[in-house]
């Protein structure tokens, strides 16, 4: 045992970290289909090993990201929706943790955008932008607030893209100017 963590758990976490590290590298190298297969095997490992249960959301997020990069955004949408439902308490929070909800909403919105669900992307990205604004206002850290402002700006850019795709050019232009 190391710091109260059983050796078996440490070994499994090391194995998972090695798999995810290799997969992240494969994805950065442009090999999305191989990365997806490896993320799926990492998910199987997490599901089979109860000691890795706390890492499931992380692996699901990485798998969904792989699907988006592998032009399988429609496969990412249910995963991001599941992750968002697990963040429901964060989404209702009256503290800066609402940014955790906004991050998943942003990822879901981007998956919908990639899947050409522009109406769905627009609604989800608007929810994310609203929550980034709330997180910024609730933060007591200048650095954290600055990050939320950056996230708001990035989200607004993608909202404008969705609006352009929906032929709402005037509203898209207004969004970019605000």
C-alpha atoms as a PDB file:
ATOM      1  CA  UNK A   1       0.000   0.000   0.000  1.00  0.00           C
ATOM      2  CA  UNK A   2       1.135   3.476  -0.837  1.00  0.00           C
ATOM      3  CA  UNK A   3      -0.511   6.318   1.076  1.00  0.00           C
ATOM      4  CA  UNK A   4      -3.445   4.056   1.878  1.00  0.00           C
ATOM      5  CA  UNK A   5      -4.022   2.954  -1.732  1.00  0.00           C
ATOM      6  CA  UNK A   6      -3.766  -0.800  -2.381  1.00  0.00           C
ATOM      7  CA  UNK A   7      -1.027  -1.939  -4.803  1.00  0.00           C
ATOM      8  CA  UNK A   8      -3.633  -3.537  -7.074  1.00  0.00           C
ATOM      9  CA  UNK A   9      -5.434  -0.214  -7.474  1.00  0.00           C
ATOM     10  CA  UNK A  10      -2.169   1.622  -8.121  1.00  0.00           C
ATOM     11  CA  UNK A  11      -1.202  -0.942 -10.767  1.00  0.00           C
ATOM     12  CA  UNK A  12      -4.595  -0.655 -12.477  1.00  0.00           C
ATOM     13  CA  UNK A  13      -4.458   3.138 -12.402  1.00  0.00           C
ATOM     14  CA  UNK A  14      -0.949   3.051 -13.875  1.00  0.00           C
ATOM     15  CA  UNK A  15      -2.182   0.701 -16.602  1.00  0.00           C
ATOM     16  CA  UNK A  16      -5.145   2.970 -17.361  1.00  0.00           C
ATOM     17  CA  UNK A  17      -2.931   6.071 -17.381  1.00  0.00           C
ATOM     18  CA  UNK A  18      -0.530   4.365 -19.805  1.00  0.00           C
ATOM     19  CA  UNK A  19      -3.375   3.365 -22.135  1.00  0.00           C
ATOM     20  CA  UNK A  20      -4.957   6.817 -22.086  1.00  0.00           C
ATOM     21  CA  UNK A  21      -1.575   8.501 -22.564  1.00  0.00           C
ATOM     22  CA  UNK A  22      -0.832   6.371 -25.639  1.00  0.00           C
ATOM     23  CA  UNK A  23      -4.319   6.939 -26.995  1.00  0.00           C
ATOM     24  CA  UNK A  24      -4.108  10.704 -26.519  1.00  0.00           C
ATOM     25  CA  UNK A  25      -0.863  10.630 -28.487  1.00  0.00           C
ATOM     26  CA  UNK A  26      -2.488   8.567 -31.271  1.00  0.00           C
ATOM     27  CA  UNK A  27      -5.367  11.041 -31.449  1.00  0.00           C
ATOM     28  CA  UNK A  28      -2.979  14.004 -31.647  1.00  0.00           C
ATOM     29  CA  UNK A  29      -1.171  12.133 -34.420  1.00  0.00           C
ATOM     30  CA  UNK A  30      -4.378  11.943 -36.424  1.00  0.00           C
ATOM     31  CA  UNK A  31      -5.130   8.250 -35.913  1.00  0.00           C
ATOM     32  CA  UNK A  32      -8.679   8.691 -34.608  1.00  0.00           C
ATOM     33  CA  UNK A  33     -10.001   5.225 -35.484  1.00  0.00           C
ATOM     34  CA  UNK A  34      -7.196   3.504 -33.554  1.00  0.00           C
ATOM     35  CA  UNK A  35      -7.623   5.977 -30.699  1.00  0.00           C
ATOM     36  CA  UNK A  36     -11.350   5.240 -30.514  1.00  0.00           C
ATOM     37  CA  UNK A  37     -10.712   1.482 -30.305  1.00  0.00           C
ATOM     38  CA  UNK A  38      -8.195   2.024 -27.509  1.00  0.00           C
ATOM     39  CA  UNK A  39     -10.500   4.422 -25.620  1.00  0.00           C
ATOM     40  CA  UNK A  40     -13.225   1.781 -25.874  1.00  0.00           C
ATOM     41  CA  UNK A  41     -10.864  -0.804 -24.376  1.00  0.00           C
ATOM     42  CA  UNK A  42      -9.930   1.660 -21.613  1.00  0.00           C
ATOM     43  CA  UNK A  43     -13.647   2.065 -20.906  1.00  0.00           C
ATOM     44  CA  UNK A  44     -14.026  -1.724 -20.684  1.00  0.00           C
ATOM     45  CA  UNK A  45     -11.154  -1.831 -18.188  1.00  0.00           C
ATOM     46  CA  UNK A  46     -12.790   0.864 -16.050  1.00  0.00           C
ATOM     47  CA  UNK A  47     -16.137  -0.920 -16.163  1.00  0.00           C
ATOM     48  CA  UNK A  48     -14.598  -4.282 -15.174  1.00  0.00           C
ATOM     49  CA  UNK A  49     -12.504  -2.916 -12.320  1.00  0.00           C
ATOM     50  CA  UNK A  50     -14.558  -1.346  -9.501  1.00  0.00           C
ATOM     51  CA  UNK A  51     -11.450   0.347  -8.096  1.00  0.00           C
ATOM     52  CA  UNK A  52     -11.320   2.447 -11.291  1.00  0.00           C
ATOM     53  CA  UNK A  53     -14.976   3.542 -11.119  1.00  0.00           C
ATOM     54  CA  UNK A  54     -14.061   7.134 -10.274  1.00  0.00           C
ATOM     55  CA  UNK A  55     -12.194   7.393 -13.595  1.00  0.00           C
ATOM     56  CA  UNK A  56     -15.194   6.386 -15.728  1.00  0.00           C
ATOM     57  CA  UNK A  57     -16.342   9.932 -16.498  1.00  0.00           C
ATOM     58  CA  UNK A  58     -12.829  10.903 -17.576  1.00  0.00           C
ATOM     59  CA  UNK A  59     -12.577   7.918 -19.932  1.00  0.00           C
ATOM     60  CA  UNK A  60     -16.074   8.587 -21.295  1.00  0.00           C
ATOM     61  CA  UNK A  61     -15.091  12.199 -21.974  1.00  0.00           C
ATOM     62  CA  UNK A  62     -11.949  11.095 -23.789  1.00  0.00           C
ATOM     63  CA  UNK A  63     -13.919   8.520 -25.831  1.00  0.00           C
ATOM     64  CA  UNK A  64     -16.528  11.118 -26.836  1.00  0.00           C
ATOM     65  CA  UNK A  65     -13.730  13.501 -27.807  1.00  0.00           C
ATOM     66  CA  UNK A  66     -12.231  10.704 -29.925  1.00  0.00           C
ATOM     67  CA  UNK A  67     -15.573  10.167 -31.632  1.00  0.00           C
ATOM     68  CA  UNK A  68     -15.785  13.866 -32.522  1.00  0.00           C
ATOM     69  CA  UNK A  69     -12.232  13.850 -33.906  1.00  0.00           C
ATOM     70  CA  UNK A  70     -12.959  10.615 -35.770  1.00  0.00           C
ATOM     71  CA  UNK A  71     -15.956  12.149 -37.574  1.00  0.00           C
ATOM     72  CA  UNK A  72     -18.362  10.151 -35.424  1.00  0.00           C
ATOM     73  CA  UNK A  73     -19.902  13.087 -33.564  1.00  0.00           C
ATOM     74  CA  UNK A  74     -23.317  11.392 -33.464  1.00  0.00           C
ATOM     75  CA  UNK A  75     -21.712   8.680 -31.291  1.00  0.00           C
ATOM     76  CA  UNK A  76     -20.351  11.353 -28.940  1.00  0.00           C
ATOM     77  CA  UNK A  77     -23.702  13.037 -28.319  1.00  0.00           C
ATOM     78  CA  UNK A  78     -25.220  10.341 -26.049  1.00  0.00           C
ATOM     79  CA  UNK A  79     -21.966  10.132 -24.060  1.00  0.00           C
ATOM     80  CA  UNK A  80     -21.820  13.886 -23.504  1.00  0.00           C
ATOM     81  CA  UNK A  81     -25.545  13.855 -22.649  1.00  0.00           C
ATOM     82  CA  UNK A  82     -24.862  11.164 -20.041  1.00  0.00           C
ATOM     83  CA  UNK A  83     -21.930  13.152 -18.628  1.00  0.00           C
ATOM     84  CA  UNK A  84     -24.111  16.258 -18.490  1.00  0.00           C
ATOM     85  CA  UNK A  85     -26.835  14.440 -16.575  1.00  0.00           C
ATOM     86  CA  UNK A  86     -24.192  13.385 -14.045  1.00  0.00           C
ATOM     87  CA  UNK A  87     -23.314  17.069 -13.614  1.00  0.00           C
ATOM     88  CA  UNK A  88     -26.898  18.092 -12.814  1.00  0.00           C
ATOM     89  CA  UNK A  89     -25.957  19.312  -9.326  1.00  0.00           C
ATOM     90  CA  UNK A  90     -23.163  21.432 -10.802  1.00  0.00           C
ATOM     91  CA  UNK A  91     -25.641  22.864 -13.317  1.00  0.00           C
ATOM     92  CA  UNK A  92     -27.919  23.992 -10.499  1.00  0.00           C
ATOM     93  CA  UNK A  93     -25.103  25.284  -8.331  1.00  0.00           C
ATOM     94  CA  UNK A  94     -24.902  28.836  -7.148  1.00  0.00           C
ATOM     95  CA  UNK A  95     -21.116  28.682  -7.003  1.00  0.00           C
ATOM     96  CA  UNK A  96     -18.214  28.632  -9.444  1.00  0.00           C
ATOM     97  CA  UNK A  97     -18.523  24.836  -9.899  1.00  0.00           C
ATOM     98  CA  UNK A  98     -21.211  25.658 -12.440  1.00  0.00           C
ATOM     99  CA  UNK A  99     -18.268  25.973 -14.850  1.00  0.00           C
ATOM    100  CA  UNK A 100     -17.951  22.154 -14.727  1.00  0.00           C
ATOM    101  CA  UNK A 101     -21.474  21.954 -16.115  1.00  0.00           C
ATOM    102  CA  UNK A 102     -20.662  24.597 -18.728  1.00  0.00           C
ATOM    103  CA  UNK A 103     -17.617  22.621 -19.889  1.00  0.00           C
ATOM    104  CA  UNK A 104     -19.722  19.532 -20.593  1.00  0.00           C
ATOM    105  CA  UNK A 105     -22.439  21.661 -22.216  1.00  0.00           C
ATOM    106  CA  UNK A 106     -19.780  23.176 -24.462  1.00  0.00           C
ATOM    107  CA  UNK A 107     -18.481  19.725 -25.454  1.00  0.00           C
ATOM    108  CA  UNK A 108     -22.021  18.501 -26.131  1.00  0.00           C
ATOM    109  CA  UNK A 109     -22.742  21.610 -28.183  1.00  0.00           C
ATOM    110  CA  UNK A 110     -19.595  21.085 -30.236  1.00  0.00           C
ATOM    111  CA  UNK A 111     -20.516  17.433 -30.856  1.00  0.00           C
ATOM    112  CA  UNK A 112     -23.951  18.552 -32.049  1.00  0.00           C
ATOM    113  CA  UNK A 113     -22.339  21.169 -34.272  1.00  0.00           C
ATOM    114  CA  UNK A 114     -20.071  18.525 -35.822  1.00  0.00           C
ATOM    115  CA  UNK A 115     -23.109  16.277 -36.301  1.00  0.00           C
ATOM    116  CA  UNK A 116     -24.887  19.103 -38.180  1.00  0.00           C
ATOM    117  CA  UNK A 117     -27.543  19.466 -35.449  1.00  0.00           C
ATOM    118  CA  UNK A 118     -27.286  23.235 -35.554  1.00  0.00           C
ATOM    119  CA  UNK A 119     -30.480  23.949 -33.577  1.00  0.00           C
ATOM    120  CA  UNK A 120     -29.378  21.547 -30.826  1.00  0.00           C
ATOM    121  CA  UNK A 121     -25.858  22.969 -30.858  1.00  0.00           C
ATOM    122  CA  UNK A 122     -27.172  26.508 -30.589  1.00  0.00           C
ATOM    123  CA  UNK A 123     -29.360  25.745 -27.570  1.00  0.00           C
ATOM    124  CA  UNK A 124     -26.630  23.796 -25.780  1.00  0.00           C
ATOM    125  CA  UNK A 125     -23.920  26.355 -26.496  1.00  0.00           C
ATOM    126  CA  UNK A 126     -26.180  29.136 -25.241  1.00  0.00           C
ATOM    127  CA  UNK A 127     -26.680  27.182 -22.005  1.00  0.00           C
ATOM    128  CA  UNK A 128     -22.900  26.808 -21.691  1.00  0.00           C
ATOM    129  CA  UNK A 129     -22.337  30.514 -22.297  1.00  0.00           C
ATOM    130  CA  UNK A 130     -24.920  31.408 -19.642  1.00  0.00           C
ATOM    131  CA  UNK A 131     -23.200  29.136 -17.129  1.00  0.00           C
ATOM    132  CA  UNK A 132     -19.744  30.521 -17.926  1.00  0.00           C
ATOM    133  CA  UNK A 133     -21.131  33.995 -17.180  1.00  0.00           C
ATOM    134  CA  UNK A 134     -22.543  32.758 -13.853  1.00  0.00           C
ATOM    135  CA  UNK A 135     -19.243  31.065 -12.966  1.00  0.00           C
ATOM    136  CA  UNK A 136     -17.318  34.245 -13.699  1.00  0.00           C
ATOM    137  CA  UNK A 137     -19.630  36.317 -11.501  1.00  0.00           C
ATOM    138  CA  UNK A 138     -19.479  33.814  -8.632  1.00  0.00           C
ATOM    139  CA  UNK A 139     -15.722  33.432  -8.683  1.00  0.00           C
ATOM    140  CA  UNK A 140     -13.528  35.027  -6.075  1.00  0.00           C
ATOM    141  CA  UNK A 141     -10.378  34.420  -8.111  1.00  0.00           C
ATOM    142  CA  UNK A 142      -9.288  36.896 -10.774  1.00  0.00           C
ATOM    143  CA  UNK A 143      -7.475  34.135 -12.682  1.00  0.00           C
ATOM    144  CA  UNK A 144     -10.546  31.871 -12.674  1.00  0.00           C
ATOM    145  CA  UNK A 145     -12.744  34.802 -13.783  1.00  0.00           C
ATOM    146  CA  UNK A 146     -10.381  35.513 -16.669  1.00  0.00           C
ATOM    147  CA  UNK A 147     -10.595  31.877 -17.779  1.00  0.00           C
ATOM    148  CA  UNK A 148     -14.399  32.067 -17.711  1.00  0.00           C
ATOM    149  CA  UNK A 149     -14.342  35.227 -19.846  1.00  0.00           C
ATOM    150  CA  UNK A 150     -12.149  33.382 -22.380  1.00  0.00           C
ATOM    151  CA  UNK A 151     -14.565  30.423 -22.346  1.00  0.00           C
ATOM    152  CA  UNK A 152     -17.497  32.798 -22.887  1.00  0.00           C
ATOM    153  CA  UNK A 153     -15.785  34.371 -25.890  1.00  0.00           C
ATOM    154  CA  UNK A 154     -14.941  30.993 -27.412  1.00  0.00           C
ATOM    155  CA  UNK A 155     -18.503  29.778 -26.855  1.00  0.00           C
ATOM    156  CA  UNK A 156     -19.915  32.949 -28.424  1.00  0.00           C
ATOM    157  CA  UNK A 157     -17.795  32.333 -31.511  1.00  0.00           C
ATOM    158  CA  UNK A 158     -19.299  28.838 -31.887  1.00  0.00           C
ATOM    159  CA  UNK A 159     -22.792  30.206 -31.213  1.00  0.00           C
ATOM    160  CA  UNK A 160     -22.216  32.561 -34.145  1.00  0.00           C
ATOM    161  CA  UNK A 161     -21.103  29.619 -36.316  1.00  0.00           C
ATOM    162  CA  UNK A 162     -24.317  27.755 -35.452  1.00  0.00           C
ATOM    163  CA  UNK A 163     -26.349  30.873 -36.217  1.00  0.00           C
ATOM    164  CA  UNK A 164     -24.605  31.274 -39.591  1.00  0.00           C
ATOM    165  CA  UNK A 165     -25.380  27.616 -40.361  1.00  0.00           C
ATOM    166  CA  UNK A 166     -29.024  28.331 -39.567  1.00  0.00           C
ATOM    167  CA  UNK A 167     -28.951  31.333 -41.952  1.00  0.00           C
ATOM    168  CA  UNK A 168     -29.380  33.760 -39.042  1.00  0.00           C
ATOM    169  CA  UNK A 169     -26.609  36.009 -40.306  1.00  0.00           C
ATOM    170  CA  UNK A 170     -27.725  39.204 -38.607  1.00  0.00           C
ATOM    171  CA  UNK A 171     -28.015  37.519 -35.205  1.00  0.00           C
ATOM    172  CA  UNK A 172     -24.637  35.819 -35.752  1.00  0.00           C
ATOM    173  CA  UNK A 173     -23.018  39.160 -36.524  1.00  0.00           C
ATOM    174  CA  UNK A 174     -24.567  40.726 -33.421  1.00  0.00           C
ATOM    175  CA  UNK A 175     -23.286  37.805 -31.319  1.00  0.00           C
ATOM    176  CA  UNK A 176     -19.751  38.335 -32.599  1.00  0.00           C
ATOM    177  CA  UNK A 177     -19.873  42.069 -31.982  1.00  0.00           C
ATOM    178  CA  UNK A 178     -21.065  41.771 -28.382  1.00  0.00           C
END
